[in-house]
Amino acid sequence: MITLQQFLKTPSGTSTAAYDVKQAEQGFVTALTDLGLIQVSGDDAANYLHNQLSNDIEHLGTGSARLAAYCTPKGRMLASFLTWKTSEGIFLQLSASIQAPIQKRLQMFVMRAKAKLADVSTEYVALGIGGIGAAEVLQQWFPQLPGAVNDKLDNDAGSLIRVSDAFGHARYQWIIKTAVLESHWAAIQEKLTPVNAAVWRRADILAGIPRIIAATQEQFVPQMINFELIGGVNFKKGCYPGQEIVARSQYLGKLKRRMAIATIASAEVVPGMEVFSESDPDQPCGMIVNAEPEGEAASICLVELKVADLEANLVHLGSANGVRLHFLALPYPMLDVTQ
C-alpha cells in the first residue's frame, strides 16, 4: 500500500514497461499528473469556447466529453483538449507543459464575454483506470458505467468519462476532487495496481489519440494527425481561429498527410523528431507526434507523415539511414476525405 501523497508524486515520465503493461491487463490506476485542467465558468463560457475551438461547445451537454483543437489563424494546432461540462463549468484538459501559455492566450480573447478561466489542476485529480478489474471497482461509486466512448456520468464522487479502449478492455478517466479522493484511496488501490502514467500514454498511442505538447505546437493542421477521425473537429459549426484552413484541407482534394502508429527499435524517440523516406532522403517526410519506450531498446509512437511514404513503408528515424519504422494498424478507419 502506498499513500495518496506518494501516488500523486510518482514521476509521470518514468516507467518499467514490462511490469506496468502486465498490471495494466489486470486492472490499474494511474494519476495523470502530466495533464493540466482549466475550468471555464460564466454565462458566456460555452459561446466563448465555441468561437475558439474546433468542436461544438455550445451544444456540449453534461452526458458526454469531446476532443477539440485550439488552432492558430493558419490552422496549426496550439493545443489538443479533452473537454466536458458539469454544473461547475466547462473543463479543458491538456498537456500540463503548455497549460500556462495556452490559458494566457485564451484569456486574451475573453474580451467582454462573461467567462472566467481558472487553473484547477491541483483542486482535481485525473485518475486513469483500466484493465480487467476496472469496471467492477468503479461500480462501487458509479453503479451504471458510461456505455460508449466519450460518455460521461457525474455524481458526488466526481465525473467518470469512458475513453478509447486499451489492452482489450475499457478505459476510464475519473475526475475527482483531491479532498474527496483521500477518503476513497484505500478502497481503490485494494483492487487496482498503481502504475506509472506512461501506461496511459502508451494506451493513447495504441488508440491513435494524439496529444499536442510544447515540441509539436504549430506543426499540424488537425487532419494531419487524424483529429477529425476521432471526433475532434465539427465541420458544421461556425468560425474559430484557423477554421477556413481546416475546412479547405477537408474539402479541397485528397489529404496528403496522415498519422500512423509505429514501432521503432530505439528507446531515444521523442516528439518533434523528424522522419525520412528512402524515396527523398534529403527532406523530412514527417514528424514524431508522441512516443513512449517499449522496454529498454524500442519505442512505440504516433508519427505524422506523407500518405505516399506511409504506403511505401520505407521510413526511417532521423535520416534516410536511421532506424526503420514499422507501422501498425490504426484502431479506426482511415476514411477518404470525400467520404
Protein backbone atom coordinates (compact mmCIF):
# COMPACT_ATOMS: atom_id res chain seq x y z
CA MET A 1 0.00 0.00 0.00
CA ILE A 2 1.21 3.47 -0.81
CA THR A 3 -0.20 6.71 0.47
CA LEU A 4 -2.15 9.05 -1.79
CA GLN A 5 0.62 11.63 -1.47
CA GLN A 6 3.21 9.10 -2.67
CA PHE A 7 0.93 8.10 -5.55
CA LEU A 8 0.41 11.67 -6.72
CA LYS A 9 4.13 12.43 -6.56
CA THR A 10 5.15 9.46 -8.73
CA PRO A 11 7.12 10.84 -11.70
CA SER A 12 4.89 10.59 -14.77
CA GLY A 13 7.81 10.34 -17.18
CA THR A 14 9.41 7.11 -15.95
CA SER A 15 8.25 3.56 -16.41
CA THR A 16 9.11 -0.10 -16.02
CA ALA A 17 7.37 -1.12 -19.19
CA ALA A 18 7.13 -4.91 -18.79
CA TYR A 19 5.75 -4.72 -15.24
CA ASP A 20 3.34 -1.90 -15.99
CA VAL A 21 1.83 -3.48 -19.09
CA LYS A 22 1.30 -6.77 -17.27
CA GLN A 23 -0.52 -4.97 -14.47
CA ALA A 24 -2.48 -2.88 -16.94
CA GLU A 25 -4.05 -6.01 -18.37
CA GLN A 26 -5.42 -6.97 -14.94
CA GLY A 27 -6.51 -3.64 -13.51
CA PHE A 28 -4.60 -0.44 -12.93
CA VAL A 29 -4.91 3.12 -11.70
CA THR A 30 -2.59 5.97 -12.56
CA ALA A 31 -2.51 9.67 -11.75
CA LEU A 32 -2.46 11.73 -14.94
CA THR A 33 -0.29 14.41 -13.40
CA ASP A 34 1.21 15.28 -16.79
CA LEU A 35 -2.19 16.74 -17.74
CA GLY A 36 -3.43 20.14 -16.64
CA LEU A 37 -7.00 21.32 -16.17
CA ILE A 38 -8.61 24.67 -16.97
CA GLN A 39 -12.10 25.48 -15.71
CA VAL A 40 -14.13 28.00 -17.71
CA SER A 41 -17.20 29.37 -15.95
CA GLY A 42 -19.69 32.18 -16.50
CA ASP A 43 -22.82 32.85 -18.54
CA ASP A 44 -20.88 33.14 -21.81
CA ALA A 45 -18.43 30.27 -21.23
CA ALA A 46 -19.92 27.91 -23.84
CA ASN A 47 -20.33 30.57 -26.52
CA TYR A 48 -16.84 31.93 -25.91
CA LEU A 49 -15.21 28.49 -26.21
CA HIS A 50 -17.39 27.62 -29.21
CA ASN A 51 -15.82 30.57 -31.04
CA GLN A 52 -12.28 29.47 -30.13
CA LEU A 53 -12.21 25.69 -30.57
CA SER A 54 -12.69 23.25 -33.44
CA ASN A 55 -15.63 21.39 -31.90
CA ASP A 56 -19.21 22.31 -30.99
CA ILE A 57 -19.08 23.53 -27.40
CA GLU A 58 -22.42 25.37 -27.38
CA HIS A 59 -24.27 22.06 -27.62
CA LEU A 60 -21.98 20.11 -25.31
CA GLY A 61 -24.18 18.51 -22.67
CA THR A 62 -23.28 17.08 -19.29
CA GLY A 63 -23.54 13.49 -20.53
CA SER A 64 -20.53 13.45 -22.84
CA ALA A 65 -16.98 14.63 -23.40
CA ARG A 66 -15.40 15.83 -26.65
CA LEU A 67 -11.99 16.33 -28.15
CA ALA A 68 -11.24 19.77 -29.54
CA ALA A 69 -8.32 21.59 -31.15
CA TYR A 70 -7.15 25.13 -30.48
CA CYS A 71 -5.54 26.48 -33.63
CA THR A 72 -3.64 29.48 -34.92
CA PRO A 73 -5.23 31.59 -37.67
CA LYS A 74 -3.20 29.43 -40.09
CA GLY A 75 -4.97 26.30 -38.84
CA ARG A 76 -2.00 24.87 -36.95
CA MET A 77 -2.75 23.23 -33.61
CA LEU A 78 -1.61 25.03 -30.47
CA ALA A 79 -3.30 22.52 -28.17
CA SER A 80 -5.46 19.43 -28.09
CA PHE A 81 -8.17 19.28 -25.44
CA LEU A 82 -10.50 16.76 -23.89
CA THR A 83 -13.42 18.93 -22.83
CA TRP A 84 -16.53 18.28 -20.76
CA LYS A 85 -19.23 20.17 -18.88
CA THR A 86 -20.55 19.89 -15.34
CA SER A 87 -22.68 22.11 -13.13
CA GLU A 88 -19.46 23.93 -12.16
CA GLY A 89 -18.44 24.92 -15.67
CA ILE A 90 -16.65 23.66 -18.77
CA PHE A 91 -13.33 21.89 -18.30
CA LEU A 92 -10.39 21.79 -20.72
CA GLN A 93 -7.81 19.05 -20.16
CA LEU A 94 -4.47 19.45 -21.96
CA SER A 95 -0.78 18.76 -21.61
CA ALA A 96 0.47 20.38 -18.41
CA SER A 97 3.61 21.50 -20.25
CA ILE A 98 1.62 24.00 -22.33
CA GLN A 99 -1.23 24.89 -19.98
CA ALA A 100 0.09 28.23 -18.72
CA PRO A 101 0.71 29.82 -22.15
CA ILE A 102 -2.50 28.37 -23.60
CA GLN A 103 -4.57 29.65 -20.69
CA LYS A 104 -2.95 33.07 -21.06
CA ARG A 105 -3.70 33.13 -24.79
CA LEU A 106 -7.33 32.06 -24.27
CA GLN A 107 -7.71 34.75 -21.61
CA MET A 108 -6.65 37.41 -24.13
CA PHE A 109 -9.73 36.71 -26.24
CA VAL A 110 -12.34 36.74 -23.48
CA MET A 111 -12.86 40.47 -24.14
CA ARG A 112 -16.30 41.42 -22.78
CA ALA A 113 -17.62 37.87 -22.57
CA LYS A 114 -18.84 36.73 -19.18
CA ALA A 115 -16.31 33.93 -18.90
CA LYS A 116 -13.64 33.24 -16.30
CA LEU A 117 -10.68 30.90 -16.72
CA ALA A 118 -9.07 29.23 -13.73
CA ASP A 119 -6.27 26.69 -13.30
CA VAL A 120 -7.82 23.89 -11.22
CA SER A 121 -5.09 21.30 -11.78
CA THR A 122 -4.39 20.94 -8.05
CA GLU A 123 -8.04 21.02 -7.00
CA TYR A 124 -8.84 17.92 -9.05
CA VAL A 125 -7.05 14.64 -9.75
CA ALA A 126 -7.47 12.87 -13.08
CA LEU A 127 -7.26 9.13 -12.47
CA GLY A 128 -6.67 6.84 -15.44
CA ILE A 129 -8.27 3.44 -14.80
CA GLY A 130 -8.39 0.34 -16.98
CA GLY A 131 -7.86 -3.40 -17.23
CA ILE A 132 -9.95 -6.43 -16.43
CA GLY A 133 -10.96 -5.32 -12.94
CA ALA A 134 -11.67 -1.66 -13.73
CA ALA A 135 -15.44 -1.85 -14.21
CA GLU A 136 -16.10 -3.85 -11.05
CA VAL A 137 -14.06 -1.45 -8.93
CA LEU A 138 -15.65 1.70 -10.41
CA GLN A 139 -19.16 0.39 -9.82
CA GLN A 140 -18.64 0.99 -6.09
CA TRP A 141 -19.00 4.71 -6.91
CA PHE A 142 -20.69 4.65 -10.34
CA PRO A 143 -23.21 1.76 -10.36
CA GLN A 144 -24.08 2.40 -14.01
CA LEU A 145 -20.90 2.98 -16.00
CA PRO A 146 -20.65 5.13 -19.16
CA GLY A 147 -21.54 2.81 -22.03
CA ALA A 148 -19.78 4.27 -25.06
CA VAL A 149 -16.52 6.10 -25.68
CA ASN A 150 -16.83 9.76 -24.60
CA ASP A 151 -19.95 9.11 -22.50
CA LYS A 152 -19.77 10.79 -19.08
CA LEU A 153 -21.50 10.43 -15.71
CA ASP A 154 -21.45 12.82 -12.75
CA ASN A 155 -22.24 12.26 -9.08
CA ASP A 156 -20.87 13.20 -5.67
CA ALA A 157 -17.74 11.15 -6.39
CA GLY A 158 -16.85 13.25 -9.43
CA SER A 159 -17.02 12.77 -13.21
CA LEU A 160 -16.39 9.47 -14.97
CA ILE A 161 -15.57 9.54 -18.69
CA ARG A 162 -15.14 6.45 -20.83
CA VAL A 163 -12.25 6.89 -23.24
CA SER A 164 -10.85 4.67 -26.01
CA ASP A 165 -10.23 1.04 -25.03
CA ALA A 166 -6.77 -0.42 -24.45
CA PHE A 167 -5.29 -3.83 -23.70
CA GLY A 168 -8.61 -5.34 -24.77
CA HIS A 169 -10.65 -3.61 -22.06
CA ALA A 170 -12.45 -0.34 -21.42
CA ARG A 171 -10.57 2.65 -20.03
CA TYR A 172 -11.96 5.45 -17.91
CA GLN A 173 -10.90 8.83 -16.63
CA TRP A 174 -12.22 9.59 -13.17
CA ILE A 175 -12.03 13.31 -12.45
CA ILE A 176 -12.28 13.69 -8.70
CA LYS A 177 -11.60 16.47 -6.25
CA THR A 178 -8.36 15.85 -4.37
CA ALA A 179 -10.10 16.19 -1.00
CA VAL A 180 -12.71 13.57 -1.97
CA LEU A 181 -10.13 11.13 -3.33
CA GLU A 182 -8.44 10.98 0.07
CA SER A 183 -11.38 9.09 1.56
CA HIS A 184 -11.60 6.62 -1.34
CA TRP A 185 -7.93 5.91 -1.95
CA ALA A 186 -7.61 2.80 0.25
CA ALA A 187 -10.55 1.09 -1.46
CA ILE A 188 -9.22 1.98 -4.93
CA GLN A 189 -5.75 0.54 -4.51
CA GLU A 190 -7.10 -2.55 -2.78
CA LYS A 191 -8.26 -3.83 -6.20
CA LEU A 192 -6.26 -1.78 -8.72
CA THR A 193 -2.46 -1.64 -9.02
CA PRO A 194 -0.98 1.87 -9.05
CA VAL A 195 1.20 2.26 -12.17
CA ASN A 196 3.09 5.00 -13.95
CA ALA A 197 1.26 7.38 -16.30
CA ALA A 198 3.43 6.06 -19.15
CA VAL A 199 0.99 3.12 -19.29
CA TRP A 200 -1.81 5.56 -20.07
CA ARG A 201 0.20 7.37 -22.71
CA ARG A 202 1.12 4.08 -24.42
CA ALA A 203 -2.56 3.17 -24.41
CA ASP A 204 -3.41 6.50 -26.06
CA ILE A 205 -0.82 5.79 -28.75
CA LEU A 206 -2.31 2.35 -29.43
CA ALA A 207 -5.74 4.01 -29.58
CA GLY A 208 -4.44 6.55 -32.12
CA ILE A 209 -5.18 9.51 -29.84
CA PRO A 210 -2.58 12.29 -30.29
CA ARG A 211 -1.63 14.86 -27.67
CA ILE A 212 -0.09 18.20 -28.55
CA ILE A 213 2.86 19.14 -26.34
CA ALA A 214 5.36 22.01 -26.44
CA ALA A 215 7.60 20.29 -29.01
CA THR A 216 4.76 19.86 -31.51
CA GLN A 217 2.83 23.11 -31.21
CA GLU A 218 2.00 24.77 -34.56
CA GLN A 219 3.22 21.73 -36.53
CA PHE A 220 -0.07 20.15 -37.59
CA VAL A 221 -3.40 21.01 -39.13
CA PRO A 222 -5.93 18.79 -37.26
CA GLN A 223 -6.43 16.34 -40.17
CA MET A 224 -2.67 15.71 -40.36
CA ILE A 225 -2.93 13.88 -37.02
CA ASN A 226 -6.34 12.28 -37.71
CA PHE A 227 -8.11 14.64 -35.34
CA GLU A 228 -11.33 14.75 -37.34
CA LEU A 229 -11.40 10.95 -37.48
CA ILE A 230 -11.59 10.74 -33.68
CA GLY A 231 -14.30 13.40 -33.31
CA GLY A 232 -12.15 16.44 -32.64
CA VAL A 233 -13.48 18.66 -35.45
CA ASN A 234 -17.03 19.73 -36.25
CA PHE A 235 -17.26 20.97 -39.84
CA LYS A 236 -20.82 22.30 -39.46
CA LYS A 237 -20.15 24.80 -36.67
CA GLY A 238 -19.30 28.47 -37.07
CA CYS A 239 -15.97 30.21 -37.31
CA TYR A 240 -13.00 29.74 -35.00
CA PRO A 241 -9.30 30.58 -35.46
CA GLY A 242 -7.97 28.61 -38.44
CA GLN A 243 -11.42 27.36 -39.48
CA GLU A 244 -11.00 28.30 -43.15
CA ILE A 245 -7.72 26.42 -43.43
CA VAL A 246 -9.11 23.36 -41.64
CA ALA A 247 -12.21 23.33 -43.88
CA ARG A 248 -10.13 23.81 -47.02
CA SER A 249 -7.92 20.88 -46.03
CA GLN A 250 -11.03 18.75 -45.65
CA TYR A 251 -12.86 19.54 -48.86
CA LEU A 252 -10.30 20.56 -51.50
CA GLY A 253 -8.64 17.40 -52.76
CA LYS A 254 -7.40 14.30 -51.04
CA LEU A 255 -5.41 14.66 -47.82
CA LYS A 256 -1.72 14.05 -48.44
CA ARG A 257 -0.58 13.74 -44.81
CA ARG A 258 -1.87 11.50 -42.04
CA MET A 259 -0.87 9.98 -38.72
CA ALA A 260 0.09 6.36 -38.13
CA ILE A 261 1.21 4.11 -35.27
CA ALA A 262 4.74 2.74 -35.49
CA THR A 263 7.31 0.83 -33.50
CA ILE A 264 11.00 1.77 -33.66
CA ALA A 265 14.00 -0.21 -32.43
CA SER A 266 15.27 2.71 -30.38
CA ALA A 267 14.47 3.98 -26.90
CA GLU A 268 15.60 7.50 -27.84
CA VAL A 269 12.45 8.60 -29.66
CA VAL A 270 10.83 11.88 -28.62
CA PRO A 271 8.07 14.12 -30.03
CA GLY A 272 9.29 16.59 -32.62
CA MET A 273 11.91 14.27 -34.15
CA GLU A 274 11.78 14.12 -37.94
CA VAL A 275 11.42 11.02 -40.08
CA PHE A 276 12.75 10.48 -43.61
CA SER A 277 11.76 8.40 -46.60
CA GLU A 278 14.16 6.46 -48.80
CA SER A 279 12.46 7.98 -51.85
CA ASP A 280 13.52 11.52 -50.88
CA PRO A 281 16.36 11.27 -48.36
CA ASP A 282 17.18 14.99 -48.33
CA GLN A 283 13.86 16.23 -46.94
CA PRO A 284 11.94 15.04 -43.86
CA CYS A 285 8.64 13.39 -44.73
CA GLY A 286 7.10 13.64 -41.28
CA MET A 287 7.43 14.09 -37.53
CA ILE A 288 7.00 12.10 -34.32
CA VAL A 289 3.83 13.28 -32.55
CA ASN A 290 4.01 11.23 -29.34
CA ALA A 291 6.35 8.43 -28.23
CA GLU A 292 6.87 6.10 -25.29
CA PRO A 293 9.54 3.48 -24.52
CA GLU A 294 8.70 -0.17 -25.09
CA GLY A 295 11.31 -1.89 -22.95
CA GLU A 296 14.95 -0.85 -22.99
CA ALA A 297 15.61 -0.80 -26.74
CA ALA A 298 12.39 0.12 -28.51
CA SER A 299 9.62 2.73 -28.65
CA ILE A 300 6.04 2.96 -29.81
CA CYS A 301 4.92 6.21 -31.35
CA LEU A 302 2.43 8.22 -33.30
CA VAL A 303 4.01 9.70 -36.41
CA GLU A 304 2.63 12.24 -38.90
CA LEU A 305 3.87 11.76 -42.44
CA LYS A 306 3.07 11.86 -46.15
CA VAL A 307 0.48 9.24 -47.11
CA ALA A 308 2.61 8.18 -50.08
CA ASP A 309 5.54 7.42 -47.78
CA LEU A 310 3.31 5.57 -45.35
CA GLU A 311 2.11 3.38 -48.22
CA ALA A 312 5.67 2.81 -49.47
CA ASN A 313 6.65 1.70 -45.94
CA LEU A 314 10.29 2.81 -46.24
CA VAL A 315 10.52 5.41 -43.47
CA HIS A 316 13.41 5.96 -41.05
CA LEU A 317 14.05 7.97 -37.88
CA GLY A 318 16.36 11.00 -38.07
CA SER A 319 17.67 10.34 -41.58
CA ALA A 320 17.12 8.00 -44.52
CA ASN A 321 19.84 5.81 -42.96
CA GLY A 322 18.30 5.80 -39.49
CA VAL A 323 16.34 3.11 -37.70
CA ARG A 324 13.37 1.97 -39.77
CA LEU A 325 9.79 2.48 -38.62
CA HIS A 326 7.43 -0.49 -38.58
CA PHE A 327 3.82 0.56 -38.93
CA LEU A 328 0.89 -0.92 -37.03
CA ALA A 329 -2.81 -0.83 -37.91
CA LEU A 330 -4.88 2.04 -36.58
CA PRO A 331 -7.90 1.05 -34.46
CA TYR A 332 -10.19 3.25 -36.59
CA PRO A 333 -10.70 3.51 -40.37
CA MET A 334 -8.63 5.97 -42.37
CA LEU A 335 -11.56 7.50 -44.21
CA ASP A 336 -11.00 9.20 -47.54
CA VAL A 337 -11.57 12.94 -47.40
CA THR A 338 -14.59 12.68 -49.72
CA GLN A 339 -16.44 10.20 -47.53
